[in-house]
PDB file of N, CA and C in Angstrom:
ATOM      1  N   MET A   1       8.643  27.398  12.745  1.00  0.00           N
ATOM      2  CA  MET A   1       8.337  26.097  13.324  1.00  0.00           C
ATOM      3  C   MET A   1       7.804  25.178  12.226  1.00  0.00           C
ATOM      4  N   ASN A   2       8.309  23.970  12.177  1.00  0.00           N
ATOM      5  CA  ASN A   2       7.910  23.006  11.167  1.00  0.00           C
ATOM      6  C   ASN A   2       6.887  22.032  11.758  1.00  0.00           C
ATOM      7  N   THR A   3       5.703  22.019  11.184  1.00  0.00           N
ATOM      8  CA  THR A   3       4.667  21.115  11.709  1.00  0.00           C
ATOM      9  C   THR A   3       4.720  19.794  10.953  1.00  0.00           C
ATOM     10  N   LEU A   4       4.687  18.731  11.718  1.00  0.00           N
ATOM     11  CA  LEU A   4       4.685  17.401  11.136  1.00  0.00           C
ATOM     12  C   LEU A   4       3.282  17.090  10.651  1.00  0.00           C
ATOM     13  N   GLN A   5       3.169  16.725   9.386  1.00  0.00           N
ATOM     14  CA  GLN A   5       1.878  16.350   8.830  1.00  0.00           C
ATOM     15  C   GLN A   5       1.768  14.844   8.801  1.00  0.00           C
ATOM     16  N   SER A   6       0.534  14.368   8.799  1.00  0.00           N
ATOM     17  CA  SER A   6       0.328  12.928   8.724  1.00  0.00           C
ATOM     18  C   SER A   6      -0.836  12.623   7.804  1.00  0.00           C
ATOM     19  N   CYS A   7      -0.870  11.396   7.349  1.00  0.00           N
ATOM     20  CA  CYS A   7      -1.910  10.939   6.443  1.00  0.00           C
ATOM     21  C   CYS A   7      -3.246  10.896   7.183  1.00  0.00           C
ATOM     22  N   PRO A   8      -4.267  11.529   6.630  1.00  0.00           N
ATOM     23  CA  PRO A   8      -5.563  11.522   7.298  1.00  0.00           C
ATOM     24  C   PRO A   8      -6.226  10.137   7.286  1.00  0.00           C
ATOM     25  N   GLU A   9      -5.745   9.254   6.417  1.00  0.00           N
ATOM     26  CA  GLU A   9      -6.382   7.942   6.323  1.00  0.00           C
ATOM     27  C   GLU A   9      -5.668   6.869   7.134  1.00  0.00           C
ATOM     28  N   CYS A  10      -4.346   6.766   7.012  1.00  0.00           N
ATOM     29  CA  CYS A  10      -3.639   5.692   7.725  1.00  0.00           C
ATOM     30  C   CYS A  10      -2.881   6.195   8.950  1.00  0.00           C
ATOM     31  N   GLY A  11      -2.686   7.503   9.040  1.00  0.00           N
ATOM     32  CA  GLY A  11      -2.024   8.074  10.203  1.00  0.00           C
ATOM     33  C   GLY A  11      -0.507   8.146  10.125  1.00  0.00           C
ATOM     34  N   ALA A  12       0.082   7.655   9.037  1.00  0.00           N
ATOM     35  CA  ALA A  12       1.544   7.684   8.906  1.00  0.00           C
ATOM     36  C   ALA A  12       2.044   9.127   8.822  1.00  0.00           C
ATOM     37  N   ALA A  13       3.203   9.354   9.446  1.00  0.00           N
ATOM     38  CA  ALA A  13       3.818  10.682   9.387  1.00  0.00           C
ATOM     39  C   ALA A  13       4.376  10.915   7.990  1.00  0.00           C
ATOM     40  N   TRP A  14       4.181  12.113   7.503  1.00  0.00           N
ATOM     41  CA  TRP A  14       4.738  12.512   6.213  1.00  0.00           C
ATOM     42  C   TRP A  14       6.031  13.269   6.485  1.00  0.00           C
ATOM     43  N   HIS A  15       7.132  12.763   5.953  1.00  0.00           N
ATOM     44  CA  HIS A  15       8.440  13.375   6.169  1.00  0.00           C
ATOM     45  C   HIS A  15       8.893  14.100   4.912  1.00  0.00           C
ATOM     46  N   ASP A  16       9.471  15.247   5.104  1.00  0.00           N
ATOM     47  CA  ASP A  16      10.022  16.040   3.999  1.00  0.00           C
ATOM     48  C   ASP A  16       8.997  16.297   2.894  1.00  0.00           C
ATOM     49  N   GLY A  17       7.720  16.417   3.282  1.00  0.00           N
ATOM     50  CA  GLY A  17       6.677  16.718   2.311  1.00  0.00           C
ATOM     51  C   GLY A  17       6.216  15.530   1.484  1.00  0.00           C
ATOM     52  N   ARG A  18       6.773  14.332   1.748  1.00  0.00           N
ATOM     53  CA  ARG A  18       6.385  13.135   0.990  1.00  0.00           C
ATOM     54  C   ARG A  18       5.126  12.527   1.597  1.00  0.00           C
ATOM     55  N   THR A  19       4.139  12.271   0.757  1.00  0.00           N
ATOM     56  CA  THR A  19       2.896  11.656   1.202  1.00  0.00           C
ATOM     57  C   THR A  19       2.977  10.142   1.024  1.00  0.00           C
ATOM     58  N   CYS A  20       1.972   9.456   1.511  1.00  0.00           N
ATOM     59  CA  CYS A  20       1.895   7.997   1.323  1.00  0.00           C
ATOM     60  C   CYS A  20       1.886   7.657  -0.165  1.00  0.00           C
ATOM     61  N   GLN A  21       1.142   8.438  -0.928  1.00  0.00           N
ATOM     62  CA  GLN A  21       1.071   8.184  -2.364  1.00  0.00           C
ATOM     63  C   GLN A  21       2.447   8.378  -3.014  1.00  0.00           C
ATOM     64  N   ASP A  22       3.184   9.383  -2.581  1.00  0.00           N
ATOM     65  CA  ASP A  22       4.543   9.582  -3.096  1.00  0.00           C
ATOM     66  C   ASP A  22       5.399   8.347  -2.833  1.00  0.00           C
ATOM     67  N   ASP A  23       5.331   7.816  -1.603  1.00  0.00           N
ATOM     68  CA  ASP A  23       6.130   6.632  -1.262  1.00  0.00           C
ATOM     69  C   ASP A  23       5.661   5.409  -2.052  1.00  0.00           C
ATOM     70  N   PHE A  24       4.349   5.270  -2.238  1.00  0.00           N
ATOM     71  CA  PHE A  24       3.801   4.167  -3.035  1.00  0.00           C
ATOM     72  C   PHE A  24       4.343   4.244  -4.463  1.00  0.00           C
ATOM     73  N   HIS A  25       4.303   5.427  -5.053  1.00  0.00           N
ATOM     74  CA  HIS A  25       4.818   5.581  -6.423  1.00  0.00           C
ATOM     75  C   HIS A  25       6.322   5.323  -6.485  1.00  0.00           C
ATOM     76  N   ARG A  26       7.034   5.699  -5.437  1.00  0.00           N
ATOM     77  CA  ARG A  26       8.475   5.428  -5.393  1.00  0.00           C
ATOM     78  C   ARG A  26       8.729   3.918  -5.421  1.00  0.00           C
ATOM     79  N   MET A  27       7.934   3.163  -4.647  1.00  0.00           N
ATOM     80  CA  MET A  27       8.114   1.704  -4.634  1.00  0.00           C
ATOM     81  C   MET A  27       7.744   1.090  -5.980  1.00  0.00           C
ATOM     82  N   LEU A  28       6.725   1.642  -6.647  1.00  0.00           N
ATOM     83  CA  LEU A  28       6.394   1.158  -7.993  1.00  0.00           C
ATOM     84  C   LEU A  28       7.555   1.436  -8.954  1.00  0.00           C
ATOM     85  N   PHE A  29       8.198   2.577  -8.803  1.00  0.00           N
ATOM     86  CA  PHE A  29       9.365   2.893  -9.621  1.00  0.00           C
ATOM     87  C   PHE A  29      10.485   1.890  -9.362  1.00  0.00           C
ATOM     88  N   TRP A  30      10.704   1.544  -8.077  1.00  0.00           N
ATOM     89  CA  TRP A  30      11.739   0.559  -7.754  1.00  0.00           C
ATOM     90  C   TRP A  30      11.438  -0.764  -8.437  1.00  0.00           C
ATOM     91  N   GLU A  31      10.163  -1.135  -8.510  1.00  0.00           N
ATOM     92  CA  GLU A  31       9.788  -2.373  -9.205  1.00  0.00           C
ATOM     93  C   GLU A  31      10.161  -2.291 -10.681  1.00  0.00           C
ATOM     94  N   ALA A  32       9.904  -1.151 -11.285  1.00  0.00           N
ATOM     95  CA  ALA A  32      10.216  -0.987 -12.702  1.00  0.00           C
ATOM     96  C   ALA A  32      11.720  -1.022 -12.937  1.00  0.00           C
ATOM     97  N   GLU A  33      12.468  -0.479 -11.985  1.00  0.00           N
ATOM     98  CA  GLU A  33      13.921  -0.440 -12.080  1.00  0.00           C
ATOM     99  C   GLU A  33      14.549  -1.810 -11.821  1.00  0.00           C
ATOM    100  N   SER A  34      13.943  -2.575 -10.936  1.00  0.00           N
ATOM    101  CA  SER A  34      14.459  -3.892 -10.554  1.00  0.00           C
ATOM    102  C   SER A  34      13.320  -4.908 -10.663  1.00  0.00           C
ATOM    103  N   PRO A  35      13.164  -5.507 -11.831  1.00  0.00           N
ATOM    104  CA  PRO A  35      12.028  -6.407 -12.073  1.00  0.00           C
ATOM    105  C   PRO A  35      11.863  -7.530 -11.054  1.00  0.00           C
ATOM    106  N   GLU A  36      12.950  -7.921 -10.372  1.00  0.00           N
ATOM    107  CA  GLU A  36      12.818  -8.999  -9.379  1.00  0.00           C
ATOM    108  C   GLU A  36      11.892  -8.586  -8.226  1.00  0.00           C
ATOM    109  N   TYR A  37      11.728  -7.284  -8.017  1.00  0.00           N
ATOM    110  CA  TYR A  37      10.802  -6.816  -6.975  1.00  0.00           C
ATOM    111  C   TYR A  37       9.344  -7.070  -7.365  1.00  0.00           C
ATOM    112  N   GLY A  38       9.102  -7.301  -8.639  1.00  0.00           N
ATOM    113  CA  GLY A  38       7.744  -7.518  -9.131  1.00  0.00           C
ATOM    114  C   GLY A  38       7.045  -8.724  -8.523  1.00  0.00           C
ATOM    115  N   VAL A  39       7.821  -9.658  -7.959  1.00  0.00           N
ATOM    116  CA  VAL A  39       7.206 -10.852  -7.377  1.00  0.00           C
ATOM    117  C   VAL A  39       6.318 -10.511  -6.187  1.00  0.00           C
ATOM    118  N   VAL A  40       6.506  -9.332  -5.609  1.00  0.00           N
ATOM    119  CA  VAL A  40       5.660  -8.928  -4.482  1.00  0.00           C
ATOM    120  C   VAL A  40       4.757  -7.745  -4.843  1.00  0.00           C
ATOM    121  N   HIS A  41       4.604  -7.484  -6.120  1.00  0.00           N
ATOM    122  CA  HIS A  41       3.783  -6.352  -6.566  1.00  0.00           C
ATOM    123  C   HIS A  41       2.371  -6.407  -5.980  1.00  0.00           C
ATOM    124  N   HIS A  42       1.764  -7.580  -6.032  1.00  0.00           N
ATOM    125  CA  HIS A  42       0.389  -7.698  -5.533  1.00  0.00           C
ATOM    126  C   HIS A  42       0.307  -7.371  -4.047  1.00  0.00           C
ATOM    127  N   PHE A  43       1.345  -7.701  -3.267  1.00  0.00           N
ATOM    128  CA  PHE A  43       1.358  -7.348  -1.846  1.00  0.00           C
ATOM    129  C   PHE A  43       1.508  -5.842  -1.659  1.00  0.00           C
ATOM    130  N   LEU A  44       2.374  -5.252  -2.451  1.00  0.00           N
ATOM    131  CA  LEU A  44       2.582  -3.806  -2.376  1.00  0.00           C
ATOM    132  C   LEU A  44       1.270  -3.073  -2.606  1.00  0.00           C
ATOM    133  N   VAL A  45       0.587  -3.423  -3.684  1.00  0.00           N
ATOM    134  CA  VAL A  45      -0.656  -2.737  -4.037  1.00  0.00           C
ATOM    135  C   VAL A  45      -1.742  -3.009  -2.992  1.00  0.00           C
ATOM    136  N   LEU A  46      -1.906  -4.268  -2.628  1.00  0.00           N
ATOM    137  CA  LEU A  46      -2.956  -4.625  -1.671  1.00  0.00           C
ATOM    138  C   LEU A  46      -2.715  -3.960  -0.307  1.00  0.00           C
ATOM    139  N   CYS A  47      -1.499  -4.007   0.173  1.00  0.00           N
ATOM    140  CA  CYS A  47      -1.209  -3.419   1.488  1.00  0.00           C
ATOM    141  C   CYS A  47      -1.408  -1.904   1.477  1.00  0.00           C
ATOM    142  N   TYR A  48      -0.994  -1.265   0.392  1.00  0.00           N
ATOM    143  CA  TYR A  48      -1.210   0.189   0.301  1.00  0.00           C
ATOM    144  C   TYR A  48      -2.702   0.497   0.327  1.00  0.00           C
ATOM    145  N   HIS A  49      -3.467  -0.271  -0.444  1.00  0.00           N
ATOM    146  CA  HIS A  49      -4.907  -0.016  -0.503  1.00  0.00           C
ATOM    147  C   HIS A  49      -5.617  -0.391   0.804  1.00  0.00           C
ATOM    148  N   MET A  50      -5.127  -1.403   1.491  1.00  0.00           N
ATOM    149  CA  MET A  50      -5.733  -1.753   2.781  1.00  0.00           C
ATOM    150  C   MET A  50      -5.474  -0.649   3.811  1.00  0.00           C
ATOM    151  N   GLN A  51      -4.341   0.014   3.695  1.00  0.00           N
ATOM    152  CA  GLN A  51      -4.032   1.117   4.603  1.00  0.00           C
ATOM    153  C   GLN A  51      -4.752   2.411   4.202  1.00  0.00           C
ATOM    154  N   HIS A  52      -5.248   2.441   2.966  1.00  0.00           N
ATOM    155  CA  HIS A  52      -5.966   3.600   2.429  1.00  0.00           C
ATOM    156  C   HIS A  52      -7.265   3.078   1.801  1.00  0.00           C
ATOM    157  N   PRO A  53      -8.168   2.551   2.635  1.00  0.00           N
ATOM    158  CA  PRO A  53      -9.333   1.817   2.139  1.00  0.00           C
ATOM    159  C   PRO A  53     -10.302   2.624   1.288  1.00  0.00           C
ATOM    160  N   SER A  54     -10.232   3.930   1.327  1.00  0.00           N
ATOM    161  CA  SER A  54     -11.150   4.712   0.499  1.00  0.00           C
ATOM    162  C   SER A  54     -10.852   4.537  -0.991  1.00  0.00           C
ATOM    163  N   LEU A  55      -9.686   3.961  -1.316  1.00  0.00           N
ATOM    164  CA  LEU A  55      -9.313   3.758  -2.713  1.00  0.00           C
ATOM    165  C   LEU A  55     -10.015   2.551  -3.338  1.00  0.00           C
ATOM    166  N   TYR A  56     -10.573   1.690  -2.509  1.00  0.00           N
ATOM    167  CA  TYR A  56     -11.280   0.493  -2.981  1.00  0.00           C
ATOM    168  C   TYR A  56     -12.744   0.594  -2.598  1.00  0.00           C
ATOM    169  N   SER A  57     -13.581  -0.114  -3.337  1.00  0.00           N
ATOM    170  CA  SER A  57     -14.969  -0.261  -2.906  1.00  0.00           C
ATOM    171  C   SER A  57     -14.959  -1.205  -1.706  1.00  0.00           C
ATOM    172  N   PRO A  58     -15.974  -1.145  -0.854  1.00  0.00           N
ATOM    173  CA  PRO A  58     -16.013  -2.061   0.295  1.00  0.00           C
ATOM    174  C   PRO A  58     -15.929  -3.530  -0.128  1.00  0.00           C
ATOM    175  N   GLU A  59     -16.575  -3.884  -1.236  1.00  0.00           N
ATOM    176  CA  GLU A  59     -16.563  -5.272  -1.707  1.00  0.00           C
ATOM    177  C   GLU A  59     -15.154  -5.692  -2.136  1.00  0.00           C
ATOM    178  N   THR A  60     -14.477  -4.825  -2.846  1.00  0.00           N
ATOM    179  CA  THR A  60     -13.127  -5.143  -3.315  1.00  0.00           C
ATOM    180  C   THR A  60     -12.157  -5.212  -2.145  1.00  0.00           C
ATOM    181  N   LEU A  61     -12.331  -4.328  -1.165  1.00  0.00           N
ATOM    182  CA  LEU A  61     -11.485  -4.362   0.022  1.00  0.00           C
ATOM    183  C   LEU A  61     -11.684  -5.674   0.779  1.00  0.00           C
ATOM    184  N   ASP A  62     -12.930  -6.105   0.942  1.00  0.00           N
ATOM    185  CA  ASP A  62     -13.208  -7.387   1.610  1.00  0.00           C
ATOM    186  C   ASP A  62     -12.581  -8.545   0.849  1.00  0.00           C
ATOM    187  N   MET A  63     -12.692  -8.525  -0.479  1.00  0.00           N
ATOM    188  CA  MET A  63     -12.100  -9.587  -1.294  1.00  0.00           C
ATOM    189  C   MET A  63     -10.574  -9.589  -1.134  1.00  0.00           C
ATOM    190  N   GLY A  64      -9.966  -8.420  -1.129  1.00  0.00           N
ATOM    191  CA  GLY A  64      -8.518  -8.326  -0.946  1.00  0.00           C
ATOM    192  C   GLY A  64      -8.086  -8.872   0.410  1.00  0.00           C
ATOM    193  N   LYS A  65      -8.849  -8.564   1.444  1.00  0.00           N
ATOM    194  CA  LYS A  65      -8.533  -9.088   2.782  1.00  0.00           C
ATOM    195  C   LYS A  65      -8.617 -10.609   2.800  1.00  0.00           C
ATOM    196  N   ARG A  66      -9.646 -11.152   2.147  1.00  0.00           N
ATOM    197  CA  ARG A  66      -9.787 -12.619   2.094  1.00  0.00           C
ATOM    198  C   ARG A  66      -8.631 -13.243   1.320  1.00  0.00           C
ATOM    199  N   MET A  67      -8.250 -12.628   0.200  1.00  0.00           N
ATOM    200  CA  MET A  67      -7.147 -13.160  -0.607  1.00  0.00           C
ATOM    201  C   MET A  67      -5.843 -13.144   0.186  1.00  0.00           C
ATOM    202  N   LEU A  68      -5.597 -12.069   0.927  1.00  0.00           N
ATOM    203  CA  LEU A  68      -4.379 -11.985   1.732  1.00  0.00           C
ATOM    204  C   LEU A  68      -4.405 -13.035   2.842  1.00  0.00           C
ATOM    205  N   ALA A  69      -5.538 -13.171   3.509  1.00  0.00           N
ATOM    206  CA  ALA A  69      -5.660 -14.176   4.575  1.00  0.00           C
ATOM    207  C   ALA A  69      -5.452 -15.578   4.020  1.00  0.00           C
ATOM    208  N   ASP A  70      -6.028 -15.868   2.844  1.00  0.00           N
ATOM    209  CA  ASP A  70      -5.841 -17.176   2.216  1.00  0.00           C
ATOM    210  C   ASP A  70      -4.375 -17.424   1.883  1.00  0.00           C
ATOM    211  N   PHE A  71      -3.710 -16.397   1.358  1.00  0.00           N
ATOM    212  CA  PHE A  71      -2.294 -16.547   1.019  1.00  0.00           C
ATOM    213  C   PHE A  71      -1.469 -16.841   2.271  1.00  0.00           C
ATOM    214  N   LEU A  72      -1.719 -16.072   3.320  1.00  0.00           N
ATOM    215  CA  LEU A  72      -0.952 -16.260   4.557  1.00  0.00           C
ATOM    216  C   LEU A  72      -1.229 -17.611   5.200  1.00  0.00           C
ATOM    217  N   ALA A  73      -2.434 -18.131   4.984  1.00  0.00           N
ATOM    218  CA  ALA A  73      -2.799 -19.443   5.532  1.00  0.00           C
ATOM    219  C   ALA A  73      -2.339 -20.583   4.632  1.00  0.00           C
ATOM    220  N   GLY A  74      -1.815 -20.238   3.456  1.00  0.00           N
ATOM    221  CA  GLY A  74      -1.358 -21.271   2.524  1.00  0.00           C
ATOM    222  C   GLY A  74      -2.481 -21.884   1.709  1.00  0.00           C
ATOM    223  N   THR A  75      -3.623 -21.217   1.651  1.00  0.00           N
ATOM    224  CA  THR A  75      -4.759 -21.703   0.879  1.00  0.00           C
ATOM    225  C   THR A  75      -4.650 -21.195  -0.557  1.00  0.00           C
ATOM    226  N   PRO A  76      -4.775 -22.097  -1.523  1.00  0.00           N
ATOM    227  CA  PRO A  76      -4.672 -21.645  -2.923  1.00  0.00           C
ATOM    228  C   PRO A  76      -5.857 -20.788  -3.355  1.00  0.00           C
TER     229      PRO A  76
END
């Protein structure tokens, strides 16, 4: 019987033994392979860290949330 594992932090299902970090690194590789993807690098990193908040200090996480909210609101 194959048990489905999931991320203890964000709850995402891990398929074929791939963890969230594996998928994050895969997307970073895609950026390196296709530089045009780099225009959203900051979103990739911020969203991954927001879904895995233990990777940031509480202050940095709050700052990232404010920066994302400002961007979405069109605030420079």
